[in-house]
Amino acid sequence: MWGIGIPKITRVSLTLPQELLDELDRMLKAEKYASRSESVRDALRDFLASYKWRQGLKGRQVGIIAVVYEHDVRGLTDALVDIQHTSRGNISAVQHIHIDRKHCLETLMVKGQAEKIRKLLDKLAALRGVKQAKLVVLSW
């Protein structure tokens, strides 16, 4: 029987690339985390807070979407270009940077209704080969 205030704990399994796990382990040591589980819980809390913040955006917004991706994933660059073309009413400019032999960064300057920007971010983030997609909203 669980006591008052003690949350039920459920075990889950994750599949991660070895390099990501190695990076996590280095961070755990540097930040003196007690366990991988505690660091993953912190990361999930941060992810969920960011998600809730994005969902709460309303009205007209101006910002930047940053996308890091593996350029050699089949069909990814075409999909990115197609999404950008269909969202051209919300994208003012795009900048492309080669990070290394395998990865690229694109920054999309965006403006428009929050819902449309959020949908654009979600489409980009869902593409196979996209490592990370983040939205930064600016105020003026």
Protein backbone atom coordinates (compact mmCIF):
# COMPACT_ATOMS: atom_id res chain seq x y z
CA MET A 1 0.00 0.00 0.00
CA TRP A 2 1.37 3.38 -0.98
CA GLY A 3 1.56 6.02 1.73
CA ILE A 4 0.09 9.48 1.46
CA GLY A 5 2.19 11.72 -0.78
CA ILE A 6 4.32 8.90 -2.17
CA PRO A 7 3.82 8.63 -5.92
CA LYS A 8 3.43 5.27 -7.59
CA ILE A 9 6.55 4.47 -9.62
CA THR A 10 6.27 2.70 -12.97
CA ARG A 11 9.28 1.16 -14.70
CA VAL A 12 9.71 1.94 -18.40
CA SER A 13 12.36 1.01 -20.92
CA LEU A 14 14.09 3.40 -23.34
CA THR A 15 15.99 2.72 -26.52
CA LEU A 16 18.76 5.26 -27.07
CA PRO A 17 21.69 5.63 -29.45
CA GLN A 18 24.92 4.74 -27.62
CA GLU A 19 26.39 8.23 -28.13
CA LEU A 20 23.35 9.81 -26.44
CA LEU A 21 23.62 7.41 -23.50
CA ASP A 22 27.34 8.14 -23.19
CA GLU A 23 26.63 11.87 -23.16
CA LEU A 24 23.94 11.35 -20.52
CA ASP A 25 26.34 9.38 -18.35
CA ARG A 26 28.99 12.12 -18.61
CA MET A 27 26.40 14.71 -17.58
CA LEU A 28 25.23 12.55 -14.67
CA LYS A 29 28.75 12.44 -13.32
CA ALA A 30 29.38 16.17 -13.83
CA GLU A 31 26.03 17.19 -12.28
CA LYS A 32 26.25 14.55 -9.55
CA TYR A 33 22.87 12.98 -10.33
CA ALA A 34 21.97 9.99 -8.18
CA SER A 35 20.75 7.98 -11.18
CA ARG A 36 19.85 7.97 -14.84
CA SER A 37 16.20 7.78 -13.81
CA GLU A 38 16.39 11.04 -11.88
CA SER A 39 17.98 12.86 -14.82
CA VAL A 40 15.37 11.48 -17.24
CA ARG A 41 12.57 12.59 -14.86
CA ASP A 42 14.09 16.11 -14.83
CA ALA A 43 14.34 16.13 -18.63
CA LEU A 44 10.73 14.96 -18.98
CA ARG A 45 9.53 17.66 -16.58
CA ASP A 46 11.36 20.27 -18.67
CA PHE A 47 9.93 18.83 -21.90
CA LEU A 48 6.38 18.84 -20.50
CA ALA A 49 6.75 22.41 -19.19
CA SER A 50 7.92 23.53 -22.63
CA TYR A 51 5.02 21.68 -24.29
CA LYS A 52 2.48 23.32 -21.96
CA TRP A 53 4.04 26.73 -22.61
CA ARG A 54 3.79 26.24 -26.41
CA GLN A 55 0.18 25.10 -26.09
CA GLY A 56 -0.63 28.27 -24.14
CA LEU A 57 0.65 30.65 -26.83
CA LYS A 58 -2.12 32.75 -28.31
CA GLY A 59 -2.45 35.49 -30.90
CA ARG A 60 0.18 36.82 -33.25
CA GLN A 61 3.76 35.79 -32.50
CA VAL A 62 7.25 36.40 -33.84
CA GLY A 63 10.08 33.97 -33.26
CA ILE A 64 12.66 31.52 -34.46
CA ILE A 65 12.42 27.78 -35.01
CA ALA A 66 15.80 26.04 -34.82
CA VAL A 67 16.04 22.56 -36.36
CA VAL A 68 19.04 20.23 -36.08
CA TYR A 69 18.91 17.25 -38.41
CA GLU A 70 20.91 14.53 -40.14
CA HIS A 71 21.17 15.67 -43.75
CA ASP A 72 21.78 12.19 -45.16
CA VAL A 73 18.43 10.72 -44.03
CA ARG A 74 16.62 9.78 -47.23
CA GLY A 75 13.90 12.25 -48.20
CA LEU A 76 14.42 14.55 -45.21
CA THR A 77 15.76 17.60 -47.03
CA ASP A 78 12.93 17.35 -49.57
CA ALA A 79 10.38 17.10 -46.75
CA LEU A 80 11.90 20.14 -45.01
CA VAL A 81 11.72 22.19 -48.20
CA ASP A 82 8.14 21.06 -48.89
CA ILE A 83 7.03 22.06 -45.37
CA GLN A 84 8.79 25.40 -45.72
CA HIS A 85 7.08 26.08 -49.04
CA THR A 86 3.62 25.23 -47.71
CA SER A 87 4.28 27.46 -44.67
CA ARG A 88 5.78 30.41 -46.54
CA GLY A 89 3.10 32.73 -45.16
CA ASN A 90 4.57 32.18 -41.70
CA ILE A 91 8.27 31.93 -42.62
CA SER A 92 10.11 35.19 -43.30
CA ALA A 93 13.60 33.75 -43.80
CA VAL A 94 15.58 30.52 -43.50
CA GLN A 95 19.27 30.11 -42.72
CA HIS A 96 21.14 26.85 -43.28
CA ILE A 97 24.38 25.96 -41.48
CA HIS A 98 26.51 22.84 -41.89
CA ILE A 99 27.43 21.74 -38.34
CA ASP A 100 29.59 18.77 -39.33
CA ARG A 101 29.69 16.03 -41.98
CA LYS A 102 26.43 14.54 -40.72
CA HIS A 103 24.37 17.35 -39.18
CA CYS A 104 22.83 20.60 -40.33
CA LEU A 105 21.07 23.45 -38.53
CA GLU A 106 18.29 25.46 -40.05
CA THR A 107 16.83 28.53 -38.43
CA LEU A 108 13.43 29.68 -39.61
CA MET A 109 12.33 33.20 -38.77
CA VAL A 110 8.58 32.90 -38.22
CA LYS A 111 5.63 35.19 -37.64
CA GLY A 112 1.90 34.72 -37.52
CA GLN A 113 -0.79 33.11 -35.43
CA ALA A 114 0.53 30.95 -32.61
CA GLU A 115 -1.49 27.92 -33.71
CA LYS A 116 0.05 27.95 -37.20
CA ILE A 117 3.58 28.35 -35.82
CA ARG A 118 2.97 25.52 -33.36
CA LYS A 119 1.72 23.25 -36.18
CA LEU A 120 4.79 24.12 -38.26
CA LEU A 121 7.07 23.24 -35.33
CA ASP A 122 5.23 19.95 -34.76
CA LYS A 123 5.54 18.98 -38.45
CA LEU A 124 9.27 19.69 -38.46
CA ALA A 125 9.93 17.91 -35.17
CA ALA A 126 8.08 14.78 -36.33
CA LEU A 127 10.29 14.19 -39.37
CA ARG A 128 12.58 11.16 -39.26
CA GLY A 129 16.16 12.41 -38.95
CA VAL A 130 15.31 15.60 -37.07
CA LYS A 131 17.30 15.50 -33.84
CA GLN A 132 15.82 18.60 -32.26
CA ALA A 133 13.36 21.37 -33.10
CA LYS A 134 12.89 24.32 -30.78
CA LEU A 135 10.78 27.44 -30.86
CA VAL A 136 11.94 30.72 -29.36
CA VAL A 137 9.23 33.38 -29.18
CA LEU A 138 10.31 37.00 -29.05
CA SER A 139 8.39 40.00 -27.74
CA TRP A 140 8.58 43.50 -29.01
